[in-house]
C-alpha atoms as a PDB file:
ATOM      1  CA  UNK A   1     -14.300 -36.038 -15.559  1.00  0.00           C
ATOM      2  CA  UNK A   2     -15.945 -38.809 -13.546  1.00  0.00           C
ATOM      3  CA  UNK A   3     -18.091 -38.287 -10.469  1.00  0.00           C
ATOM      4  CA  UNK A   4     -17.936 -40.386  -7.310  1.00  0.00           C
ATOM      5  CA  UNK A   5     -21.535 -41.262  -6.388  1.00  0.00           C
ATOM      6  CA  UNK A   6     -20.548 -42.233  -2.847  1.00  0.00           C
ATOM      7  CA  UNK A   7     -17.316 -42.172  -0.819  1.00  0.00           C
ATOM      8  CA  UNK A   8     -15.131 -45.185  -1.542  1.00  0.00           C
ATOM      9  CA  UNK A   9     -11.940 -46.378   0.155  1.00  0.00           C
ATOM     10  CA  UNK A  10      -9.310 -48.528  -1.511  1.00  0.00           C
ATOM     11  CA  UNK A  11      -5.664 -49.529  -1.364  1.00  0.00           C
ATOM     12  CA  UNK A  12      -3.864 -48.784  -4.621  1.00  0.00           C
ATOM     13  CA  UNK A  13      -0.432 -49.638  -5.911  1.00  0.00           C
ATOM     14  CA  UNK A  14       1.372 -47.103  -8.090  1.00  0.00           C
ATOM     15  CA  UNK A  15       4.173 -47.454 -10.592  1.00  0.00           C
ATOM     16  CA  UNK A  16       4.666 -45.844 -14.005  1.00  0.00           C
ATOM     17  CA  UNK A  17       2.765 -42.665 -14.833  1.00  0.00           C
ATOM     18  CA  UNK A  18      -0.649 -43.228 -16.464  1.00  0.00           C
ATOM     19  CA  UNK A  19      -0.699 -39.685 -17.851  1.00  0.00           C
ATOM     20  CA  UNK A  20      -2.311 -36.466 -16.697  1.00  0.00           C
ATOM     21  CA  UNK A  21      -6.000 -36.635 -15.796  1.00  0.00           C
ATOM     22  CA  UNK A  22      -8.632 -35.193 -13.467  1.00  0.00           C
ATOM     23  CA  UNK A  23     -11.694 -36.305 -11.504  1.00  0.00           C
ATOM     24  CA  UNK A  24     -15.083 -34.812 -10.779  1.00  0.00           C
ATOM     25  CA  UNK A  25     -14.680 -35.648  -7.082  1.00  0.00           C
ATOM     26  CA  UNK A  26     -12.181 -35.174  -4.265  1.00  0.00           C
ATOM     27  CA  UNK A  27      -9.394 -37.737  -4.113  1.00  0.00           C
ATOM     28  CA  UNK A  28      -7.564 -38.154  -0.818  1.00  0.00           C
ATOM     29  CA  UNK A  29      -4.175 -39.905  -0.901  1.00  0.00           C
ATOM     30  CA  UNK A  30      -2.398 -41.147   2.224  1.00  0.00           C
ATOM     31  CA  UNK A  31       0.946 -42.926   2.001  1.00  0.00           C
ATOM     32  CA  UNK A  32       1.152 -46.523   3.197  1.00  0.00           C
ATOM     33  CA  UNK A  33       4.480 -47.692   1.723  1.00  0.00           C
ATOM     34  CA  UNK A  34       7.030 -46.362  -0.744  1.00  0.00           C
ATOM     35  CA  UNK A  35       6.938 -42.840  -2.164  1.00  0.00           C
ATOM     36  CA  UNK A  36       4.532 -41.465  -4.758  1.00  0.00           C
ATOM     37  CA  UNK A  37       5.667 -38.472  -6.819  1.00  0.00           C
ATOM     38  CA  UNK A  38       2.574 -36.400  -7.507  1.00  0.00           C
ATOM     39  CA  UNK A  39       2.109 -33.377  -9.753  1.00  0.00           C
ATOM     40  CA  UNK A  40      -1.080 -31.346  -9.246  1.00  0.00           C
ATOM     41  CA  UNK A  41      -1.654 -28.408 -11.590  1.00  0.00           C
ATOM     42  CA  UNK A  42       2.094 -28.301 -12.203  1.00  0.00           C
ATOM     43  CA  UNK A  43       3.067 -28.387  -8.512  1.00  0.00           C
ATOM     44  CA  UNK A  44       5.389 -31.220  -7.525  1.00  0.00           C
ATOM     45  CA  UNK A  45       4.454 -33.115  -4.345  1.00  0.00           C
ATOM     46  CA  UNK A  46       5.530 -36.289  -2.579  1.00  0.00           C
ATOM     47  CA  UNK A  47       3.187 -38.662  -0.757  1.00  0.00           C
ATOM     48  CA  UNK A  48       4.999 -41.070   1.556  1.00  0.00           C
ATOM     49  CA  UNK A  49       4.062 -42.923   4.764  1.00  0.00           C
ATOM     50  CA  UNK A  50       3.075 -40.337   7.364  1.00  0.00           C
ATOM     51  CA  UNK A  51       1.812 -37.822   4.802  1.00  0.00           C
ATOM     52  CA  UNK A  52      -1.287 -37.197   2.738  1.00  0.00           C
ATOM     53  CA  UNK A  53      -2.815 -34.885   0.179  1.00  0.00           C
ATOM     54  CA  UNK A  54      -6.283 -33.835  -1.024  1.00  0.00           C
ATOM     55  CA  UNK A  55      -6.757 -33.430  -4.797  1.00  0.00           C
ATOM     56  CA  UNK A  56      -9.694 -31.165  -5.569  1.00  0.00           C
ATOM     57  CA  UNK A  57     -12.291 -31.865  -8.283  1.00  0.00           C
ATOM     58  CA  UNK A  58     -11.100 -30.782 -11.710  1.00  0.00           C
ATOM     59  CA  UNK A  59      -7.436 -30.452 -10.717  1.00  0.00           C
ATOM     60  CA  UNK A  60      -5.194 -31.936 -13.419  1.00  0.00           C
ATOM     61  CA  UNK A  61      -2.704 -34.330 -11.882  1.00  0.00           C
ATOM     62  CA  UNK A  62      -0.168 -36.976 -12.749  1.00  0.00           C
ATOM     63  CA  UNK A  63       1.724 -39.442 -10.570  1.00  0.00           C
ATOM     64  CA  UNK A  64       4.628 -41.851 -10.712  1.00  0.00           C
ATOM     65  CA  UNK A  65       6.443 -44.171  -8.332  1.00  0.00           C
ATOM     66  CA  UNK A  66       9.738 -45.430  -9.710  1.00  0.00           C
ATOM     67  CA  UNK A  67      10.172 -48.076  -7.035  1.00  0.00           C
ATOM     68  CA  UNK A  68       6.501 -48.768  -6.367  1.00  0.00           C
ATOM     69  CA  UNK A  69       4.240 -47.408  -3.651  1.00  0.00           C
ATOM     70  CA  UNK A  70       0.912 -48.104  -1.975  1.00  0.00           C
ATOM     71  CA  UNK A  71      -1.577 -45.461  -0.863  1.00  0.00           C
ATOM     72  CA  UNK A  72      -4.873 -45.462   0.956  1.00  0.00           C
ATOM     73  CA  UNK A  73      -7.184 -43.675  -1.483  1.00  0.00           C
ATOM     74  CA  UNK A  74     -10.540 -42.102  -0.715  1.00  0.00           C
ATOM     75  CA  UNK A  75     -12.731 -40.968  -3.610  1.00  0.00           C
ATOM     76  CA  UNK A  76     -15.433 -38.696  -2.226  1.00  0.00           C
ATOM     77  CA  UNK A  77     -17.987 -36.121  -3.441  1.00  0.00           C
ATOM     78  CA  UNK A  78     -18.109 -34.559   0.072  1.00  0.00           C
ATOM     79  CA  UNK A  79     -17.402 -30.821  -0.282  1.00  0.00           C
ATOM     80  CA  UNK A  80     -16.106 -30.722   3.300  1.00  0.00           C
ATOM     81  CA  UNK A  81     -12.792 -32.028   1.962  1.00  0.00           C
ATOM     82  CA  UNK A  82     -12.198 -28.581   0.429  1.00  0.00           C
ATOM     83  CA  UNK A  83     -11.395 -27.359   3.953  1.00  0.00           C
ATOM     84  CA  UNK A  84      -8.792 -30.049   4.655  1.00  0.00           C
ATOM     85  CA  UNK A  85      -5.081 -29.433   4.248  1.00  0.00           C
ATOM     86  CA  UNK A  86      -2.186 -31.247   5.945  1.00  0.00           C
ATOM     87  CA  UNK A  87      -3.446 -34.356   7.768  1.00  0.00           C
ATOM     88  CA  UNK A  88      -3.191 -34.177  11.586  1.00  0.00           C
ATOM     89  CA  UNK A  89      -1.920 -37.051  13.729  1.00  0.00           C
ATOM     90  CA  UNK A  90      -5.391 -38.592  14.319  1.00  0.00           C
ATOM     91  CA  UNK A  91      -5.962 -38.919  10.569  1.00  0.00           C
ATOM     92  CA  UNK A  92      -2.565 -40.541  10.024  1.00  0.00           C
ATOM     93  CA  UNK A  93      -3.186 -43.078  12.775  1.00  0.00           C
ATOM     94  CA  UNK A  94      -6.658 -43.859  11.408  1.00  0.00           C
ATOM     95  CA  UNK A  95      -5.335 -44.235   7.865  1.00  0.00           C
ATOM     96  CA  UNK A  96      -2.820 -46.817   9.093  1.00  0.00           C
ATOM     97  CA  UNK A  97      -5.643 -48.824  10.690  1.00  0.00           C
ATOM     98  CA  UNK A  98      -7.957 -48.511   7.675  1.00  0.00           C
ATOM     99  CA  UNK A  99      -5.219 -49.706   5.321  1.00  0.00           C
ATOM    100  CA  UNK A 100      -4.726 -52.800   7.483  1.00  0.00           C
ATOM    101  CA  UNK A 101      -8.492 -53.351   7.729  1.00  0.00           C
ATOM    102  CA  UNK A 102      -8.922 -53.195   3.958  1.00  0.00           C
ATOM    103  CA  UNK A 103      -6.128 -55.719   3.499  1.00  0.00           C
ATOM    104  CA  UNK A 104      -8.031 -58.046   5.824  1.00  0.00           C
ATOM    105  CA  UNK A 105     -11.345 -57.442   4.059  1.00  0.00           C
ATOM    106  CA  UNK A 106     -13.088 -55.980   7.116  1.00  0.00           C
ATOM    107  CA  UNK A 107     -16.411 -54.596   5.884  1.00  0.00           C
ATOM    108  CA  UNK A 108     -16.787 -51.936   8.591  1.00  0.00           C
ATOM    109  CA  UNK A 109     -13.691 -50.135   7.292  1.00  0.00           C
ATOM    110  CA  UNK A 110     -15.310 -49.531   3.917  1.00  0.00           C
ATOM    111  CA  UNK A 111     -18.716 -48.698   5.421  1.00  0.00           C
ATOM    112  CA  UNK A 112     -17.569 -46.164   8.004  1.00  0.00           C
ATOM    113  CA  UNK A 113     -13.960 -45.386   7.086  1.00  0.00           C
ATOM    114  CA  UNK A 114     -14.675 -42.426   4.756  1.00  0.00           C
ATOM    115  CA  UNK A 115     -16.704 -40.516   7.360  1.00  0.00           C
ATOM    116  CA  UNK A 116     -14.263 -41.326  10.162  1.00  0.00           C
ATOM    117  CA  UNK A 117     -11.299 -40.241   8.053  1.00  0.00           C
ATOM    118  CA  UNK A 118     -12.913 -36.869   7.313  1.00  0.00           C
ATOM    119  CA  UNK A 119     -13.738 -36.392  10.983  1.00  0.00           C
ATOM    120  CA  UNK A 120     -10.173 -37.246  12.026  1.00  0.00           C
ATOM    121  CA  UNK A 121      -8.673 -34.988   9.326  1.00  0.00           C
ATOM    122  CA  UNK A 122     -10.737 -32.066  10.612  1.00  0.00           C
ATOM    123  CA  UNK A 123      -9.770 -32.714  14.244  1.00  0.00           C
ATOM    124  CA  UNK A 124      -8.806 -29.473  15.998  1.00  0.00           C
ATOM    125  CA  UNK A 125      -7.939 -28.575  19.598  1.00  0.00           C
ATOM    126  CA  UNK A 126     -10.986 -27.499  21.601  1.00  0.00           C
ATOM    127  CA  UNK A 127     -11.455 -23.703  21.529  1.00  0.00           C
ATOM    128  CA  UNK A 128     -10.433 -21.800  24.643  1.00  0.00           C
ATOM    129  CA  UNK A 129     -13.360 -20.747  26.817  1.00  0.00           C
ATOM    130  CA  UNK A 130     -13.997 -17.179  27.900  1.00  0.00           C
ATOM    131  CA  UNK A 131     -14.802 -16.251  31.498  1.00  0.00           C
ATOM    132  CA  UNK A 132     -18.473 -16.816  30.727  1.00  0.00           C
ATOM    133  CA  UNK A 133     -17.711 -20.404  29.754  1.00  0.00           C
ATOM    134  CA  UNK A 134     -18.318 -19.954  26.016  1.00  0.00           C
ATOM    135  CA  UNK A 135     -15.836 -19.679  23.198  1.00  0.00           C
ATOM    136  CA  UNK A 136     -15.197 -16.129  22.057  1.00  0.00           C
ATOM    137  CA  UNK A 137     -15.378 -15.118  18.369  1.00  0.00           C
ATOM    138  CA  UNK A 138     -12.027 -13.310  18.189  1.00  0.00           C
ATOM    139  CA  UNK A 139      -9.910 -16.279  17.088  1.00  0.00           C
ATOM    140  CA  UNK A 140     -12.545 -17.468  14.610  1.00  0.00           C
ATOM    141  CA  UNK A 141     -12.908 -14.076  12.932  1.00  0.00           C
ATOM    142  CA  UNK A 142      -9.354 -12.756  13.070  1.00  0.00           C
ATOM    143  CA  UNK A 143      -8.956 -10.425  10.092  1.00  0.00           C
ATOM    144  CA  UNK A 144      -6.649 -11.707   7.353  1.00  0.00           C
ATOM    145  CA  UNK A 145      -4.570  -9.174   5.432  1.00  0.00           C
ATOM    146  CA  UNK A 146      -4.854 -10.936   2.077  1.00  0.00           C
ATOM    147  CA  UNK A 147      -2.648  -8.411   0.281  1.00  0.00           C
ATOM    148  CA  UNK A 148       0.151  -8.907   2.796  1.00  0.00           C
ATOM    149  CA  UNK A 149      -0.219 -12.685   2.586  1.00  0.00           C
ATOM    150  CA  UNK A 150      -0.117 -12.466  -1.202  1.00  0.00           C
ATOM    151  CA  UNK A 151       3.126 -10.490  -1.003  1.00  0.00           C
ATOM    152  CA  UNK A 152       4.686 -13.032   1.353  1.00  0.00           C
ATOM    153  CA  UNK A 153       3.703 -15.944  -0.906  1.00  0.00           C
ATOM    154  CA  UNK A 154       5.193 -14.168  -3.930  1.00  0.00           C
ATOM    155  CA  UNK A 155       8.531 -13.816  -2.103  1.00  0.00           C
ATOM    156  CA  UNK A 156       8.862 -17.544  -1.477  1.00  0.00           C
ATOM    157  CA  UNK A 157      10.050 -18.265  -5.029  1.00  0.00           C
ATOM    158  CA  UNK A 158      10.260 -21.982  -5.757  1.00  0.00           C
ATOM    159  CA  UNK A 159       9.673 -23.019  -2.136  1.00  0.00           C
ATOM    160  CA  UNK A 160       6.874 -25.557  -1.680  1.00  0.00           C
ATOM    161  CA  UNK A 161       4.128 -23.671   0.187  1.00  0.00           C
ATOM    162  CA  UNK A 162       1.234 -25.595   1.708  1.00  0.00           C
ATOM    163  CA  UNK A 163      -2.101 -24.439   3.083  1.00  0.00           C
ATOM    164  CA  UNK A 164      -0.682 -25.168   6.538  1.00  0.00           C
ATOM    165  CA  UNK A 165       2.181 -22.724   5.841  1.00  0.00           C
ATOM    166  CA  UNK A 166      -0.295 -20.004   4.852  1.00  0.00           C
ATOM    167  CA  UNK A 167      -2.425 -20.707   7.912  1.00  0.00           C
ATOM    168  CA  UNK A 168       0.563 -20.486  10.238  1.00  0.00           C
ATOM    169  CA  UNK A 169       1.500 -17.156   8.672  1.00  0.00           C
ATOM    170  CA  UNK A 170      -1.825 -15.659   9.822  1.00  0.00           C
ATOM    171  CA  UNK A 171      -1.922 -17.615  13.113  1.00  0.00           C
ATOM    172  CA  UNK A 172      -4.805 -19.925  12.222  1.00  0.00           C
ATOM    173  CA  UNK A 173      -5.137 -23.682  11.928  1.00  0.00           C
ATOM    174  CA  UNK A 174      -5.203 -25.118   8.416  1.00  0.00           C
ATOM    175  CA  UNK A 175      -8.929 -25.888   8.671  1.00  0.00           C
ATOM    176  CA  UNK A 176      -9.731 -22.408  10.015  1.00  0.00           C
ATOM    177  CA  UNK A 177      -7.724 -20.793   7.221  1.00  0.00           C
ATOM    178  CA  UNK A 178      -9.452 -22.916   4.576  1.00  0.00           C
ATOM    179  CA  UNK A 179     -12.846 -21.922   5.958  1.00  0.00           C
ATOM    180  CA  UNK A 180     -11.888 -18.235   6.025  1.00  0.00           C
ATOM    181  CA  UNK A 181     -10.665 -18.437   2.449  1.00  0.00           C
ATOM    182  CA  UNK A 182     -14.059 -19.789   1.418  1.00  0.00           C
ATOM    183  CA  UNK A 183     -15.901 -17.142   3.461  1.00  0.00           C
ATOM    184  CA  UNK A 184     -13.764 -14.139   2.453  1.00  0.00           C
ATOM    185  CA  UNK A 185     -12.856 -14.978  -1.142  1.00  0.00           C
ATOM    186  CA  UNK A 186     -15.318 -17.641  -2.237  1.00  0.00           C
ATOM    187  CA  UNK A 187     -12.608 -20.117  -3.285  1.00  0.00           C
ATOM    188  CA  UNK A 188     -10.620 -22.920  -1.674  1.00  0.00           C
ATOM    189  CA  UNK A 189      -7.272 -22.245  -0.059  1.00  0.00           C
ATOM    190  CA  UNK A 190      -5.474 -24.349  -2.675  1.00  0.00           C
ATOM    191  CA  UNK A 191      -7.235 -22.487  -5.476  1.00  0.00           C
ATOM    192  CA  UNK A 192      -6.107 -19.178  -3.931  1.00  0.00           C
ATOM    193  CA  UNK A 193      -2.506 -20.357  -3.660  1.00  0.00           C
ATOM    194  CA  UNK A 194      -2.577 -21.717  -7.204  1.00  0.00           C
ATOM    195  CA  UNK A 195      -3.896 -18.362  -8.412  1.00  0.00           C
ATOM    196  CA  UNK A 196      -1.052 -16.488  -6.715  1.00  0.00           C
ATOM    197  CA  UNK A 197       1.545 -18.712  -8.378  1.00  0.00           C
ATOM    198  CA  UNK A 198      -0.030 -18.255 -11.794  1.00  0.00           C
ATOM    199  CA  UNK A 199      -0.329 -14.477 -11.343  1.00  0.00           C
ATOM    200  CA  UNK A 200       3.347 -14.287 -10.424  1.00  0.00           C
ATOM    201  CA  UNK A 201       4.234 -16.460 -13.428  1.00  0.00           C
ATOM    202  CA  UNK A 202       2.332 -14.137 -15.771  1.00  0.00           C
ATOM    203  CA  UNK A 203       4.132 -11.077 -14.408  1.00  0.00           C
ATOM    204  CA  UNK A 204       7.532 -12.712 -14.890  1.00  0.00           C
ATOM    205  CA  UNK A 205       6.651 -13.863 -18.401  1.00  0.00           C
ATOM    206  CA  UNK A 206       5.434 -10.361 -19.299  1.00  0.00           C
ATOM    207  CA  UNK A 207       8.772  -8.997 -18.142  1.00  0.00           C
ATOM    208  CA  UNK A 208      10.483 -11.122 -20.801  1.00  0.00           C
ATOM    209  CA  UNK A 209      11.870 -13.825 -18.516  1.00  0.00           C
ATOM    210  CA  UNK A 210      12.404 -17.226 -20.145  1.00  0.00           C
ATOM    211  CA  UNK A 211       9.655 -19.748 -19.438  1.00  0.00           C
ATOM    212  CA  UNK A 212      12.121 -22.233 -17.917  1.00  0.00           C
ATOM    213  CA  UNK A 213      13.294 -19.666 -15.368  1.00  0.00           C
ATOM    214  CA  UNK A 214       9.717 -18.620 -14.618  1.00  0.00           C
ATOM    215  CA  UNK A 215       8.791 -22.255 -13.978  1.00  0.00           C
ATOM    216  CA  UNK A 216      11.718 -22.637 -11.575  1.00  0.00           C
ATOM    217  CA  UNK A 217      10.893 -19.448  -9.683  1.00  0.00           C
ATOM    218  CA  UNK A 218       7.207 -20.224  -9.299  1.00  0.00           C
ATOM    219  CA  UNK A 219       7.609 -23.848  -8.280  1.00  0.00           C
ATOM    220  CA  UNK A 220       6.477 -25.665 -11.430  1.00  0.00           C
ATOM    221  CA  UNK A 221       8.264 -28.896 -12.191  1.00  0.00           C
ATOM    222  CA  UNK A 222       8.867 -28.111 -15.852  1.00  0.00           C
ATOM    223  CA  UNK A 223       8.308 -25.341 -18.433  1.00  0.00           C
ATOM    224  CA  UNK A 224       5.644 -27.481 -20.120  1.00  0.00           C
ATOM    225  CA  UNK A 225       3.759 -27.864 -16.827  1.00  0.00           C
ATOM    226  CA  UNK A 226       3.747 -24.094 -16.371  1.00  0.00           C
ATOM    227  CA  UNK A 227       2.651 -23.481 -19.968  1.00  0.00           C
ATOM    228  CA  UNK A 228      -0.197 -25.979 -19.599  1.00  0.00           C
ATOM    229  CA  UNK A 229      -1.315 -24.414 -16.307  1.00  0.00           C
ATOM    230  CA  UNK A 230      -1.342 -20.926 -17.841  1.00  0.00           C
ATOM    231  CA  UNK A 231      -3.281 -22.188 -20.847  1.00  0.00           C
ATOM    232  CA  UNK A 232      -5.910 -23.846 -18.647  1.00  0.00           C
ATOM    233  CA  UNK A 233      -6.264 -20.719 -16.502  1.00  0.00           C
ATOM    234  CA  UNK A 234      -6.896 -18.560 -19.568  1.00  0.00           C
ATOM    235  CA  UNK A 235      -6.025 -14.884 -20.012  1.00  0.00           C
END
Protein backbone atom coordinates (compact mmCIF):
# COMPACT_ATOMS: atom_id res chain seq x y z
CA UNK A 1 0.00 0.00 0.00
CA UNK A 2 1.23 3.52 -0.73
CA UNK A 3 1.00 6.45 1.67
CA UNK A 4 0.00 9.98 0.71
CA UNK A 5 2.55 12.32 2.32
CA UNK A 6 0.29 15.34 1.86
CA UNK A 7 -3.25 15.91 0.55
CA UNK A 8 -3.35 16.10 -3.23
CA UNK A 9 -6.19 17.03 -5.58
CA UNK A 10 -6.46 15.88 -9.18
CA UNK A 11 -8.89 15.32 -12.02
CA UNK A 12 -8.79 11.73 -13.27
CA UNK A 13 -10.36 10.00 -16.22
CA UNK A 14 -11.52 6.41 -15.81
CA UNK A 15 -12.16 3.65 -18.30
CA UNK A 16 -11.33 -0.06 -18.17
CA UNK A 17 -10.68 -1.67 -14.79
CA UNK A 18 -7.02 -1.61 -13.67
CA UNK A 19 -7.60 -4.46 -11.22
CA UNK A 20 -8.25 -4.59 -7.49
CA UNK A 21 -5.89 -2.58 -5.29
CA UNK A 22 -5.71 -0.56 -2.08
CA UNK A 23 -4.03 2.57 -0.71
CA UNK A 24 -2.44 3.52 2.58
CA UNK A 25 -4.40 6.79 2.60
CA UNK A 26 -7.96 8.03 2.23
CA UNK A 27 -9.16 8.51 -1.34
CA UNK A 28 -12.13 10.78 -1.90
CA UNK A 29 -13.96 10.48 -5.24
CA UNK A 30 -16.49 13.05 -6.46
CA UNK A 31 -18.21 12.66 -9.83
CA UNK A 32 -17.62 15.33 -12.46
CA UNK A 33 -18.88 13.63 -15.65
CA UNK A 34 -19.99 10.16 -16.68
CA UNK A 35 -20.52 7.31 -14.22
CA UNK A 36 -17.85 5.31 -12.40
CA UNK A 37 -18.76 1.81 -11.22
CA UNK A 38 -16.86 1.24 -7.99
CA UNK A 39 -16.47 -1.92 -5.91
CA UNK A 40 -15.13 -1.47 -2.37
CA UNK A 41 -14.57 -4.63 -0.32
CA UNK A 42 -17.11 -6.39 -2.54
CA UNK A 43 -19.78 -3.67 -2.26
CA UNK A 44 -20.96 -2.23 -5.57
CA UNK A 45 -21.23 1.57 -5.73
CA UNK A 46 -21.76 4.21 -8.39
CA UNK A 47 -20.06 7.61 -8.46
CA UNK A 48 -21.73 10.08 -10.81
CA UNK A 49 -22.03 13.88 -10.93
CA UNK A 50 -23.67 15.03 -7.71
CA UNK A 51 -22.32 12.13 -5.65
CA UNK A 52 -19.13 11.16 -3.89
CA UNK A 53 -17.50 8.45 -1.83
CA UNK A 54 -14.65 8.08 0.68
CA UNK A 55 -12.43 4.98 0.35
CA UNK A 56 -10.68 4.20 3.61
CA UNK A 57 -7.01 3.18 3.89
CA UNK A 58 -6.49 -0.50 3.21
CA UNK A 59 -9.90 -1.05 1.61
CA UNK A 60 -9.57 -3.23 -1.50
CA UNK A 61 -11.35 -1.61 -4.42
CA UNK A 62 -11.77 -1.84 -8.15
CA UNK A 63 -13.41 0.53 -10.63
CA UNK A 64 -14.59 0.66 -14.22
CA UNK A 65 -16.34 3.14 -16.49
CA UNK A 66 -17.60 1.57 -19.70
CA UNK A 67 -18.33 4.90 -21.36
CA UNK A 68 -15.66 6.96 -19.63
CA UNK A 69 -15.94 9.22 -16.60
CA UNK A 70 -14.06 12.00 -14.83
CA UNK A 71 -13.80 12.40 -11.06
CA UNK A 72 -12.29 14.94 -8.72
CA UNK A 73 -9.94 12.84 -6.60
CA UNK A 74 -8.43 13.77 -3.26
CA UNK A 75 -5.67 11.58 -1.82
CA UNK A 76 -5.25 12.46 1.84
CA UNK A 77 -3.67 11.03 5.02
CA UNK A 78 -6.06 13.15 7.17
CA UNK A 79 -7.84 10.80 9.60
CA UNK A 80 -10.77 13.22 9.81
CA UNK A 81 -12.04 11.71 6.56
CA UNK A 82 -13.00 8.59 8.54
CA UNK A 83 -15.96 10.58 9.90
CA UNK A 84 -17.25 11.63 6.47
CA UNK A 85 -20.07 9.79 4.73
CA UNK A 86 -22.45 11.12 2.06
CA UNK A 87 -21.28 14.53 0.80
CA UNK A 88 -23.58 17.45 1.73
CA UNK A 89 -24.58 20.18 -0.71
CA UNK A 90 -21.69 22.54 0.22
CA UNK A 91 -19.13 19.85 -0.63
CA UNK A 92 -20.77 19.11 -3.98
CA UNK A 93 -20.80 22.78 -4.93
CA UNK A 94 -17.15 23.18 -3.88
CA UNK A 95 -16.11 20.07 -5.81
CA UNK A 96 -17.67 21.52 -8.97
CA UNK A 97 -15.62 24.71 -8.52
CA UNK A 98 -12.39 22.87 -7.69
CA UNK A 99 -12.73 20.67 -10.77
CA UNK A 100 -13.07 23.78 -12.94
CA UNK A 101 -10.15 25.46 -11.15
CA UNK A 102 -7.87 22.48 -11.71
CA UNK A 103 -8.76 22.44 -15.39
CA UNK A 104 -7.68 26.08 -15.55
CA UNK A 105 -4.47 25.43 -13.61
CA UNK A 106 -5.36 27.75 -10.72
CA UNK A 107 -2.73 27.14 -8.03
CA UNK A 108 -4.92 28.15 -5.07
CA UNK A 109 -7.25 25.21 -5.76
CA UNK A 110 -4.46 22.71 -5.19
CA UNK A 111 -3.02 24.62 -2.21
CA UNK A 112 -6.24 25.09 -0.26
CA UNK A 113 -8.76 22.80 -1.95
CA UNK A 114 -8.12 19.69 0.21
CA UNK A 115 -8.72 21.51 3.50
CA UNK A 116 -11.74 23.39 2.15
CA UNK A 117 -13.26 20.19 0.78
CA UNK A 118 -12.95 18.46 4.16
CA UNK A 119 -14.47 21.46 5.91
CA UNK A 120 -17.39 21.57 3.45
CA UNK A 121 -17.94 17.79 3.69
CA UNK A 122 -18.20 18.06 7.48
CA UNK A 123 -20.62 21.01 7.31
CA UNK A 124 -23.53 20.52 9.71
CA UNK A 125 -26.45 22.71 10.80
CA UNK A 126 -25.64 24.79 13.88
CA UNK A 127 -26.71 23.02 17.10
CA UNK A 128 -29.88 24.27 18.76
CA UNK A 129 -29.25 26.46 21.80
CA UNK A 130 -30.72 25.78 25.22
CA UNK A 131 -32.39 28.50 27.29
CA UNK A 132 -29.00 29.34 28.76
CA UNK A 133 -27.67 30.07 25.28
CA UNK A 134 -25.39 27.02 25.07
CA UNK A 135 -25.86 23.81 23.17
CA UNK A 136 -27.10 20.93 25.29
CA UNK A 137 -25.38 17.51 25.28
CA UNK A 138 -28.50 15.39 24.73
CA UNK A 139 -28.36 15.28 20.92
CA UNK A 140 -24.59 14.71 20.90
CA UNK A 141 -24.73 11.80 23.35
CA UNK A 142 -27.99 10.12 22.37
CA UNK A 143 -27.59 6.43 23.23
CA UNK A 144 -27.37 4.10 20.24
CA UNK A 145 -28.88 0.63 20.55
CA UNK A 146 -26.20 -1.12 18.52
CA UNK A 147 -27.87 -4.53 18.78
CA UNK A 148 -31.13 -3.16 17.40
CA UNK A 149 -29.28 -1.35 14.61
CA UNK A 150 -27.42 -4.55 13.80
CA UNK A 151 -30.73 -6.41 13.53
CA UNK A 152 -32.18 -3.76 11.23
CA UNK A 153 -29.11 -3.84 8.96
CA UNK A 154 -29.30 -7.64 8.75
CA UNK A 155 -32.92 -7.42 7.56
CA UNK A 156 -32.07 -5.18 4.61
CA UNK A 157 -30.79 -8.09 2.49
CA UNK A 158 -29.13 -6.92 -0.71
CA UNK A 159 -30.22 -3.29 -0.30
CA UNK A 160 -27.38 -0.77 -0.56
CA UNK A 161 -27.04 0.70 2.95
CA UNK A 162 -24.94 3.81 3.48
CA UNK A 163 -23.61 5.44 6.63
CA UNK A 164 -26.24 8.13 6.10
CA UNK A 165 -28.96 5.44 6.19
CA UNK A 166 -27.62 4.10 9.49
CA UNK A 167 -27.38 7.61 10.92
CA UNK A 168 -30.96 8.42 9.95
CA UNK A 169 -32.11 5.21 11.63
CA UNK A 170 -30.80 6.48 14.99
CA UNK A 171 -31.73 10.14 14.32
CA UNK A 172 -28.20 11.48 13.95
CA UNK A 173 -26.34 13.20 11.14
CA UNK A 174 -23.86 11.08 9.19
CA UNK A 175 -20.90 12.87 10.79
CA UNK A 176 -22.35 12.51 14.30
CA UNK A 177 -22.99 8.81 13.72
CA UNK A 178 -19.46 8.27 12.41
CA UNK A 179 -18.03 10.00 15.47
CA UNK A 180 -20.20 7.93 17.82
CA UNK A 181 -19.14 4.74 16.08
CA UNK A 182 -15.51 5.67 16.72
CA UNK A 183 -16.23 6.62 20.35
CA UNK A 184 -18.46 3.64 21.22
CA UNK A 185 -16.90 0.85 19.16
CA UNK A 186 -13.44 2.07 18.22
CA UNK A 187 -13.96 1.56 14.48
CA UNK A 188 -15.24 3.60 11.54
CA UNK A 189 -18.88 3.49 10.54
CA UNK A 190 -18.03 1.82 7.23
CA UNK A 191 -15.92 -0.79 9.00
CA UNK A 192 -18.87 -1.53 11.32
CA UNK A 193 -21.27 -1.89 8.40
CA UNK A 194 -18.80 -4.07 6.51
CA UNK A 195 -18.45 -6.27 9.59
CA UNK A 196 -22.22 -6.73 9.84
CA UNK A 197 -22.43 -7.83 6.20
CA UNK A 198 -19.59 -10.31 6.63
CA UNK A 199 -21.06 -11.70 9.86
CA UNK A 200 -24.39 -12.24 8.13
CA UNK A 201 -22.62 -13.89 5.18
CA UNK A 202 -20.83 -16.31 7.51
CA UNK A 203 -24.09 -17.29 9.21
CA UNK A 204 -25.76 -17.98 5.86
CA UNK A 205 -22.78 -19.97 4.60
CA UNK A 206 -22.73 -22.02 7.82
CA UNK A 207 -26.39 -22.83 7.25
CA UNK A 208 -25.43 -24.49 3.96
CA UNK A 209 -26.66 -21.77 1.61
CA UNK A 210 -24.88 -21.58 -1.75
CA UNK A 211 -22.22 -18.88 -1.97
CA UNK A 212 -23.93 -17.23 -4.96
CA UNK A 213 -27.17 -16.81 -3.00
CA UNK A 214 -25.28 -15.56 0.06
CA UNK A 215 -23.52 -12.96 -2.10
CA UNK A 216 -26.86 -11.77 -3.49
CA UNK A 217 -28.48 -11.54 -0.06
CA UNK A 218 -25.61 -9.66 1.55
CA UNK A 219 -25.07 -7.18 -1.27
CA UNK A 220 -21.83 -8.47 -2.81
CA UNK A 221 -21.53 -8.08 -6.54
CA UNK A 222 -20.32 -11.62 -7.17
CA UNK A 223 -19.59 -14.89 -5.32
CA UNK A 224 -15.86 -14.34 -5.88
CA UNK A 225 -16.06 -10.88 -4.29
CA UNK A 226 -17.74 -12.36 -1.23
CA UNK A 227 -15.23 -15.21 -1.00
CA UNK A 228 -12.32 -12.77 -1.23
CA UNK A 229 -13.84 -10.51 1.45
CA UNK A 230 -14.35 -13.46 3.81
CA UNK A 231 -10.79 -14.64 3.20
CA UNK A 232 -9.35 -11.20 3.95
CA UNK A 233 -11.44 -10.89 7.13
CA UNK A 234 -10.15 -14.22 8.42
CA UNK A 235 -11.99 -16.67 10.69
